[in-house]
Amino acid sequence: MHISFIRHVCLNLKDTYAQCKSTLGLTCSKSTMKKIFLENAIENCMTKRRPFLTEKHAARRLAWCKARRGYSVEERDMVARSDECSVERGRGKRDEWLF
């Protein structure tokens, strides 16, 4: 049970405890699930709020990328980048947790 449970959580980071239970057909309690996570060094943390992008922001980002489309590898290496993350348009409706 533990191996399939851990594998499921690693592949479905945003699943809730209830979703994990129903998907895997588990009958254990939430506290038992938390113990399994603790034993396997898996933490549950709140996701960061994604930046709010307007149509104007999206258009400016796209124009910036298109202007640099033909850059060579050396030219791309000169562009400073921050830690990469996914960005989606719109605001999240609720806080999300992930494992």
N, C-alpha and C. Protein backbone atom coordinates (compact mmCIF):
# COMPACT_ATOMS: atom_id res chain seq x y z
N MET A 1 0.82 -1.20 0.00
CA MET A 1 0.00 0.00 0.00
C MET A 1 0.86 1.25 0.00
N HIS A 2 1.90 1.26 0.83
CA HIS A 2 2.72 2.46 0.96
C HIS A 2 3.36 2.88 -0.35
N ILE A 3 3.87 1.90 -1.10
CA ILE A 3 4.58 2.23 -2.34
C ILE A 3 3.62 2.84 -3.37
N SER A 4 2.45 2.26 -3.56
CA SER A 4 1.51 2.81 -4.53
C SER A 4 0.99 4.17 -4.07
N PHE A 5 0.84 4.34 -2.77
CA PHE A 5 0.38 5.62 -2.21
C PHE A 5 1.43 6.70 -2.46
N ILE A 6 2.68 6.41 -2.16
CA ILE A 6 3.77 7.37 -2.36
C ILE A 6 3.92 7.67 -3.85
N ARG A 7 3.86 6.66 -4.70
CA ARG A 7 3.97 6.87 -6.14
C ARG A 7 2.84 7.78 -6.64
N HIS A 8 1.62 7.53 -6.18
CA HIS A 8 0.48 8.35 -6.60
C HIS A 8 0.69 9.82 -6.21
N VAL A 9 1.13 10.05 -5.00
CA VAL A 9 1.34 11.43 -4.53
C VAL A 9 2.44 12.11 -5.32
N CYS A 10 3.50 11.39 -5.65
CA CYS A 10 4.59 11.97 -6.43
C CYS A 10 4.16 12.33 -7.84
N LEU A 11 3.22 11.59 -8.39
CA LEU A 11 2.73 11.86 -9.74
C LEU A 11 1.57 12.85 -9.78
N ASN A 12 0.88 13.02 -8.64
CA ASN A 12 -0.29 13.90 -8.56
C ASN A 12 -0.12 14.84 -7.38
N LEU A 13 0.79 15.79 -7.51
CA LEU A 13 1.19 16.64 -6.39
C LEU A 13 0.06 17.46 -5.79
N LYS A 14 -0.93 17.81 -6.59
CA LYS A 14 -2.00 18.68 -6.10
C LYS A 14 -3.24 17.93 -5.63
N ASP A 15 -3.20 16.62 -5.61
CA ASP A 15 -4.35 15.86 -5.11
C ASP A 15 -4.53 16.11 -3.62
N THR A 16 -5.76 16.15 -3.18
CA THR A 16 -6.05 16.29 -1.76
C THR A 16 -5.99 14.92 -1.11
N TYR A 17 -6.04 14.89 0.23
CA TYR A 17 -6.07 13.61 0.94
C TYR A 17 -7.28 12.79 0.48
N ALA A 18 -8.43 13.46 0.35
CA ALA A 18 -9.66 12.76 -0.06
C ALA A 18 -9.52 12.19 -1.46
N GLN A 19 -8.92 12.94 -2.37
CA GLN A 19 -8.72 12.44 -3.73
C GLN A 19 -7.79 11.24 -3.75
N CYS A 20 -6.73 11.29 -2.94
CA CYS A 20 -5.81 10.15 -2.84
C CYS A 20 -6.54 8.92 -2.34
N LYS A 21 -7.36 9.11 -1.30
CA LYS A 21 -8.10 7.98 -0.72
C LYS A 21 -9.04 7.36 -1.74
N SER A 22 -9.81 8.20 -2.43
CA SER A 22 -10.79 7.65 -3.37
C SER A 22 -10.13 7.03 -4.59
N THR A 23 -9.08 7.65 -5.11
CA THR A 23 -8.39 7.12 -6.29
C THR A 23 -7.77 5.75 -6.01
N LEU A 24 -7.15 5.63 -4.84
CA LEU A 24 -6.46 4.38 -4.50
C LEU A 24 -7.34 3.39 -3.74
N GLY A 25 -8.55 3.81 -3.39
CA GLY A 25 -9.46 2.94 -2.67
C GLY A 25 -8.99 2.65 -1.24
N LEU A 26 -8.40 3.64 -0.60
CA LEU A 26 -7.88 3.47 0.76
C LEU A 26 -8.99 3.63 1.79
N THR A 27 -8.81 2.98 2.93
CA THR A 27 -9.78 3.11 4.02
C THR A 27 -9.13 3.70 5.26
N CYS A 28 -7.85 4.06 5.16
CA CYS A 28 -7.14 4.61 6.33
C CYS A 28 -7.58 6.05 6.59
N SER A 29 -7.25 6.55 7.77
CA SER A 29 -7.62 7.92 8.14
C SER A 29 -6.60 8.91 7.59
N LYS A 30 -6.97 10.17 7.65
CA LYS A 30 -6.08 11.24 7.19
C LYS A 30 -4.81 11.26 8.04
N SER A 31 -4.94 11.02 9.34
CA SER A 31 -3.76 11.03 10.22
C SER A 31 -2.80 9.89 9.86
N THR A 32 -3.32 8.75 9.43
CA THR A 32 -2.46 7.65 8.99
C THR A 32 -1.72 8.04 7.72
N MET A 33 -2.43 8.71 6.83
CA MET A 33 -1.79 9.18 5.59
C MET A 33 -0.67 10.16 5.92
N LYS A 34 -0.92 11.06 6.86
CA LYS A 34 0.10 12.03 7.26
C LYS A 34 1.33 11.32 7.85
N LYS A 35 1.11 10.26 8.62
CA LYS A 35 2.23 9.50 9.19
C LYS A 35 3.07 8.86 8.10
N ILE A 36 2.40 8.34 7.08
CA ILE A 36 3.13 7.73 5.95
C ILE A 36 3.98 8.78 5.25
N PHE A 37 3.40 9.97 5.06
CA PHE A 37 4.17 11.06 4.45
C PHE A 37 5.37 11.41 5.30
N LEU A 38 5.18 11.54 6.59
CA LEU A 38 6.26 11.89 7.50
C LEU A 38 7.38 10.85 7.45
N GLU A 39 7.02 9.58 7.43
CA GLU A 39 8.00 8.50 7.35
C GLU A 39 8.81 8.54 6.06
N ASN A 40 8.22 9.07 5.01
CA ASN A 40 8.87 9.11 3.70
C ASN A 40 9.36 10.51 3.33
N ALA A 41 9.44 11.40 4.30
CA ALA A 41 9.96 12.76 4.11
C ALA A 41 9.21 13.54 3.03
N ILE A 42 7.89 13.37 2.99
CA ILE A 42 7.06 14.11 2.05
C ILE A 42 6.30 15.17 2.84
N GLU A 43 6.47 16.43 2.42
CA GLU A 43 5.83 17.54 3.13
C GLU A 43 4.67 18.09 2.32
N ASN A 44 3.75 18.67 3.01
CA ASN A 44 2.59 19.29 2.40
C ASN A 44 2.78 20.80 2.57
N CYS A 45 2.77 21.55 1.47
CA CYS A 45 2.98 23.00 1.58
C CYS A 45 2.02 23.76 0.67
N MET A 46 1.83 25.01 0.99
CA MET A 46 0.94 25.89 0.23
C MET A 46 1.66 26.36 -1.04
N THR A 47 0.96 26.32 -2.17
CA THR A 47 1.55 26.80 -3.41
C THR A 47 1.61 28.32 -3.39
N LYS A 48 2.50 28.87 -4.16
CA LYS A 48 2.60 30.33 -4.27
C LYS A 48 1.48 30.82 -5.17
N ARG A 49 1.02 32.02 -4.88
CA ARG A 49 0.01 32.63 -5.74
C ARG A 49 0.68 33.00 -7.05
N ARG A 50 0.04 32.66 -8.15
CA ARG A 50 0.62 32.98 -9.44
C ARG A 50 0.39 34.46 -9.75
N PRO A 51 1.29 35.05 -10.51
CA PRO A 51 1.12 36.47 -10.85
C PRO A 51 -0.11 36.69 -11.72
N PHE A 52 -0.77 37.79 -11.52
CA PHE A 52 -1.94 38.13 -12.32
C PHE A 52 -1.45 38.76 -13.62
N LEU A 53 -1.81 38.16 -14.75
CA LEU A 53 -1.42 38.67 -16.06
C LEU A 53 -2.64 39.21 -16.79
N THR A 54 -2.51 40.44 -17.23
CA THR A 54 -3.58 41.03 -18.03
C THR A 54 -3.30 40.73 -19.50
N GLU A 55 -4.22 41.09 -20.36
CA GLU A 55 -4.00 40.94 -21.81
C GLU A 55 -2.77 41.75 -22.23
N LYS A 56 -2.60 42.92 -21.64
CA LYS A 56 -1.46 43.78 -21.98
C LYS A 56 -0.14 43.11 -21.58
N HIS A 57 -0.09 42.53 -20.36
CA HIS A 57 1.12 41.83 -19.92
C HIS A 57 1.47 40.69 -20.87
N ALA A 58 0.45 39.88 -21.20
CA ALA A 58 0.67 38.73 -22.07
C ALA A 58 1.18 39.17 -23.45
N ALA A 59 0.60 40.23 -23.98
CA ALA A 59 1.02 40.74 -25.30
C ALA A 59 2.47 41.24 -25.25
N ARG A 60 2.83 41.93 -24.18
CA ARG A 60 4.21 42.44 -24.06
C ARG A 60 5.20 41.30 -23.91
N ARG A 61 4.86 40.27 -23.15
CA ARG A 61 5.75 39.11 -23.00
C ARG A 61 5.93 38.39 -24.33
N LEU A 62 4.84 38.22 -25.06
CA LEU A 62 4.92 37.55 -26.35
C LEU A 62 5.77 38.36 -27.32
N ALA A 63 5.59 39.68 -27.34
CA ALA A 63 6.39 40.54 -28.23
C ALA A 63 7.87 40.45 -27.87
N TRP A 64 8.19 40.42 -26.58
CA TRP A 64 9.57 40.32 -26.13
C TRP A 64 10.19 39.01 -26.63
N CYS A 65 9.44 37.91 -26.50
CA CYS A 65 9.94 36.61 -26.94
C CYS A 65 10.12 36.56 -28.45
N LYS A 66 9.15 37.09 -29.19
CA LYS A 66 9.24 37.07 -30.65
C LYS A 66 10.42 37.90 -31.15
N ALA A 67 10.72 39.01 -30.45
CA ALA A 67 11.85 39.86 -30.85
C ALA A 67 13.18 39.14 -30.67
N ARG A 68 13.23 38.14 -29.81
CA ARG A 68 14.47 37.42 -29.52
C ARG A 68 14.45 35.99 -30.05
N ARG A 69 13.52 35.69 -30.90
CA ARG A 69 13.34 34.33 -31.43
C ARG A 69 14.59 33.81 -32.13
N GLY A 70 15.30 34.65 -32.84
CA GLY A 70 16.45 34.21 -33.63
C GLY A 70 17.78 34.26 -32.88
N TYR A 71 17.75 34.43 -31.58
CA TYR A 71 19.00 34.51 -30.80
C TYR A 71 19.78 33.20 -30.91
N SER A 72 21.10 33.34 -30.94
CA SER A 72 21.96 32.15 -30.90
C SER A 72 22.06 31.69 -29.45
N VAL A 73 22.69 30.54 -29.25
CA VAL A 73 22.86 30.01 -27.89
C VAL A 73 23.64 30.99 -27.04
N GLU A 74 24.69 31.59 -27.60
CA GLU A 74 25.51 32.55 -26.84
C GLU A 74 24.69 33.78 -26.45
N GLU A 75 23.86 34.26 -27.37
CA GLU A 75 23.04 35.43 -27.06
C GLU A 75 21.99 35.10 -26.00
N ARG A 76 21.40 33.90 -26.08
CA ARG A 76 20.42 33.50 -25.07
C ARG A 76 21.06 33.39 -23.70
N ASP A 77 22.31 32.93 -23.65
CA ASP A 77 23.01 32.79 -22.37
C ASP A 77 23.27 34.13 -21.70
N MET A 78 23.22 35.21 -22.48
CA MET A 78 23.46 36.54 -21.89
C MET A 78 22.20 37.15 -21.28
N VAL A 79 21.06 36.53 -21.51
CA VAL A 79 19.80 37.03 -20.95
C VAL A 79 19.67 36.52 -19.52
N ALA A 80 19.46 37.43 -18.59
CA ALA A 80 19.29 37.04 -17.19
C ALA A 80 17.90 36.47 -16.98
N ARG A 81 17.84 35.34 -16.29
CA ARG A 81 16.54 34.72 -16.00
C ARG A 81 16.42 34.51 -14.50
N SER A 82 15.23 34.65 -14.02
CA SER A 82 14.98 34.35 -12.62
C SER A 82 14.62 32.88 -12.52
N ASP A 83 14.36 32.41 -11.31
CA ASP A 83 13.95 31.02 -11.13
C ASP A 83 12.71 30.77 -11.98
N GLU A 84 12.76 29.74 -12.79
CA GLU A 84 11.67 29.48 -13.72
C GLU A 84 10.47 28.85 -13.01
N CYS A 85 9.29 29.26 -13.42
CA CYS A 85 8.05 28.69 -12.90
C CYS A 85 6.98 28.84 -13.96
N SER A 86 5.89 28.12 -13.79
CA SER A 86 4.80 28.27 -14.74
C SER A 86 3.98 29.50 -14.36
N VAL A 87 3.46 30.17 -15.36
CA VAL A 87 2.64 31.36 -15.14
C VAL A 87 1.37 31.19 -15.95
N GLU A 88 0.24 31.45 -15.32
CA GLU A 88 -1.03 31.31 -16.01
C GLU A 88 -1.79 32.62 -15.92
N ARG A 89 -2.60 32.87 -16.95
CA ARG A 89 -3.42 34.08 -16.92
C ARG A 89 -4.57 33.89 -15.98
N GLY A 90 -4.97 34.96 -15.33
CA GLY A 90 -6.10 34.91 -14.40
C GLY A 90 -5.62 34.66 -12.98
N ARG A 91 -6.50 34.77 -12.06
CA ARG A 91 -6.16 34.55 -10.65
C ARG A 91 -6.70 33.21 -10.19
N GLY A 92 -5.97 32.60 -9.28
CA GLY A 92 -6.45 31.36 -8.67
C GLY A 92 -7.64 31.66 -7.78
N LYS A 93 -8.61 30.79 -7.75
CA LYS A 93 -9.82 31.04 -6.97
C LYS A 93 -9.64 30.64 -5.51
N ARG A 94 -8.68 29.76 -5.24
CA ARG A 94 -8.49 29.33 -3.86
C ARG A 94 -7.03 28.96 -3.65
N ASP A 95 -6.64 28.91 -2.41
CA ASP A 95 -5.29 28.47 -2.10
C ASP A 95 -5.18 26.99 -2.40
N GLU A 96 -4.03 26.57 -2.90
CA GLU A 96 -3.82 25.16 -3.20
C GLU A 96 -2.66 24.63 -2.39
N TRP A 97 -2.76 23.39 -2.02
CA TRP A 97 -1.70 22.69 -1.30
C TRP A 97 -1.13 21.64 -2.24
N LEU A 98 0.14 21.34 -2.05
CA LEU A 98 0.72 20.25 -2.80
C LEU A 98 1.70 19.49 -1.93
N PHE A 99 2.02 18.27 -2.36
CA PHE A 99 2.93 17.41 -1.61
C PHE A 99 4.32 17.54 -2.17
